[in-house]
């Protein structure tokens, strides 16, 4: 009986554990920083509400909030 190619890949990768680019110890700091940046940019966008400010404040604020929320969720141990 032949072993599946997926099993071969699994066995070959056993000697190379996954190393994330951003470690667990930095996730809280990065998440808090991104959420703070999102708060500031959202406030600036709310004060200067016009369509020309959307790429300057709105889009970076939403990206910072999205990534910051995921980092904070992972940092405090809630797995999604």
C-alpha atoms as a PDB file:
ATOM      1  CA  UNK A   1       0.000   0.000   0.000  1.00  0.00           C
ATOM      2  CA  UNK A   2       1.489   3.345  -1.011  1.00  0.00           C
ATOM      3  CA  UNK A   3       1.723   6.332   1.272  1.00  0.00           C
ATOM      4  CA  UNK A   4       0.063   9.518   0.082  1.00  0.00           C
ATOM      5  CA  UNK A   5       2.156  12.451  -1.140  1.00  0.00           C
ATOM      6  CA  UNK A   6       0.672  14.581   1.642  1.00  0.00           C
ATOM      7  CA  UNK A   7       2.086  12.178   4.214  1.00  0.00           C
ATOM      8  CA  UNK A   8       5.513  12.443   2.564  1.00  0.00           C
ATOM      9  CA  UNK A   9       5.372  16.243   2.793  1.00  0.00           C
ATOM     10  CA  UNK A  10       4.295  15.988   6.435  1.00  0.00           C
ATOM     11  CA  UNK A  11       7.231  13.749   7.279  1.00  0.00           C
ATOM     12  CA  UNK A  12       9.703  15.911   5.361  1.00  0.00           C
ATOM     13  CA  UNK A  13       8.621  19.071   7.169  1.00  0.00           C
ATOM     14  CA  UNK A  14       8.918  17.526  10.634  1.00  0.00           C
ATOM     15  CA  UNK A  15      12.542  18.618  10.867  1.00  0.00           C
ATOM     16  CA  UNK A  16      11.683  22.234   9.947  1.00  0.00           C
ATOM     17  CA  UNK A  17       9.299  23.688  12.539  1.00  0.00           C
ATOM     18  CA  UNK A  18       7.350  26.813  11.656  1.00  0.00           C
ATOM     19  CA  UNK A  19       9.004  30.051  12.777  1.00  0.00           C
ATOM     20  CA  UNK A  20       6.685  33.077  12.540  1.00  0.00           C
ATOM     21  CA  UNK A  21       8.149  36.359  11.326  1.00  0.00           C
ATOM     22  CA  UNK A  22       6.668  38.171  14.348  1.00  0.00           C
ATOM     23  CA  UNK A  23       7.065  36.314  17.616  1.00  0.00           C
ATOM     24  CA  UNK A  24       4.454  35.827  20.308  1.00  0.00           C
ATOM     25  CA  UNK A  25       6.171  38.315  22.618  1.00  0.00           C
ATOM     26  CA  UNK A  26       5.721  41.194  20.131  1.00  0.00           C
ATOM     27  CA  UNK A  27       2.100  40.548  19.149  1.00  0.00           C
ATOM     28  CA  UNK A  28       0.597  42.582  21.994  1.00  0.00           C
ATOM     29  CA  UNK A  29       2.852  45.588  21.327  1.00  0.00           C
ATOM     30  CA  UNK A  30       2.212  45.549  17.594  1.00  0.00           C
ATOM     31  CA  UNK A  31      -1.532  45.063  18.091  1.00  0.00           C
ATOM     32  CA  UNK A  32      -1.809  47.913  20.596  1.00  0.00           C
ATOM     33  CA  UNK A  33       0.240  50.212  18.356  1.00  0.00           C
ATOM     34  CA  UNK A  34      -1.877  49.439  15.301  1.00  0.00           C
ATOM     35  CA  UNK A  35      -5.101  49.977  17.246  1.00  0.00           C
ATOM     36  CA  UNK A  36      -3.829  53.317  18.555  1.00  0.00           C
ATOM     37  CA  UNK A  37      -2.869  54.388  15.026  1.00  0.00           C
ATOM     38  CA  UNK A  38      -6.327  53.327  13.825  1.00  0.00           C
ATOM     39  CA  UNK A  39      -7.953  55.413  16.562  1.00  0.00           C
ATOM     40  CA  UNK A  40      -5.941  58.507  15.628  1.00  0.00           C
ATOM     41  CA  UNK A  41      -6.527  58.111  11.888  1.00  0.00           C
ATOM     42  CA  UNK A  42     -10.249  57.465  12.412  1.00  0.00           C
ATOM     43  CA  UNK A  43     -10.508  60.622  14.481  1.00  0.00           C
ATOM     44  CA  UNK A  44      -8.709  62.653  11.845  1.00  0.00           C
ATOM     45  CA  UNK A  45     -10.929  61.206   9.139  1.00  0.00           C
ATOM     46  CA  UNK A  46     -14.027  62.052  11.172  1.00  0.00           C
ATOM     47  CA  UNK A  47     -12.879  65.637  11.663  1.00  0.00           C
ATOM     48  CA  UNK A  48     -11.873  66.100   8.011  1.00  0.00           C
ATOM     49  CA  UNK A  49     -14.690  64.139   6.431  1.00  0.00           C
ATOM     50  CA  UNK A  50     -14.411  64.430   2.679  1.00  0.00           C
ATOM     51  CA  UNK A  51     -13.905  62.007  -0.159  1.00  0.00           C
ATOM     52  CA  UNK A  52     -10.389  63.275  -0.879  1.00  0.00           C
ATOM     53  CA  UNK A  53      -9.297  62.244   2.642  1.00  0.00           C
ATOM     54  CA  UNK A  54     -10.453  58.652   2.217  1.00  0.00           C
ATOM     55  CA  UNK A  55      -7.127  57.316   0.860  1.00  0.00           C
ATOM     56  CA  UNK A  56      -5.155  59.454   3.326  1.00  0.00           C
ATOM     57  CA  UNK A  57      -7.017  58.612   6.554  1.00  0.00           C
ATOM     58  CA  UNK A  58      -9.846  56.155   5.951  1.00  0.00           C
ATOM     59  CA  UNK A  59      -8.131  53.262   4.227  1.00  0.00           C
ATOM     60  CA  UNK A  60      -5.022  53.221   6.475  1.00  0.00           C
ATOM     61  CA  UNK A  61      -7.283  53.458   9.536  1.00  0.00           C
ATOM     62  CA  UNK A  62      -9.337  50.462   8.469  1.00  0.00           C
ATOM     63  CA  UNK A  63      -6.234  48.414   7.650  1.00  0.00           C
ATOM     64  CA  UNK A  64      -4.587  49.319  10.961  1.00  0.00           C
ATOM     65  CA  UNK A  65      -7.756  48.390  12.847  1.00  0.00           C
ATOM     66  CA  UNK A  66      -8.125  45.082  11.010  1.00  0.00           C
ATOM     67  CA  UNK A  67      -4.567  43.918  11.517  1.00  0.00           C
ATOM     68  CA  UNK A  68      -4.392  45.389  15.025  1.00  0.00           C
ATOM     69  CA  UNK A  69      -7.544  43.533  16.063  1.00  0.00           C
ATOM     70  CA  UNK A  70      -6.180  40.221  14.776  1.00  0.00           C
ATOM     71  CA  UNK A  71      -2.846  40.747  16.532  1.00  0.00           C
ATOM     72  CA  UNK A  72      -4.595  41.614  19.800  1.00  0.00           C
ATOM     73  CA  UNK A  73      -6.882  38.592  19.540  1.00  0.00           C
ATOM     74  CA  UNK A  74      -3.855  36.350  19.023  1.00  0.00           C
ATOM     75  CA  UNK A  75      -1.833  38.103  21.741  1.00  0.00           C
ATOM     76  CA  UNK A  76      -4.407  37.523  24.461  1.00  0.00           C
ATOM     77  CA  UNK A  77      -4.903  33.881  23.536  1.00  0.00           C
ATOM     78  CA  UNK A  78      -8.238  33.881  21.728  1.00  0.00           C
ATOM     79  CA  UNK A  79      -7.790  31.660  18.708  1.00  0.00           C
ATOM     80  CA  UNK A  80      -9.841  32.400  15.610  1.00  0.00           C
END
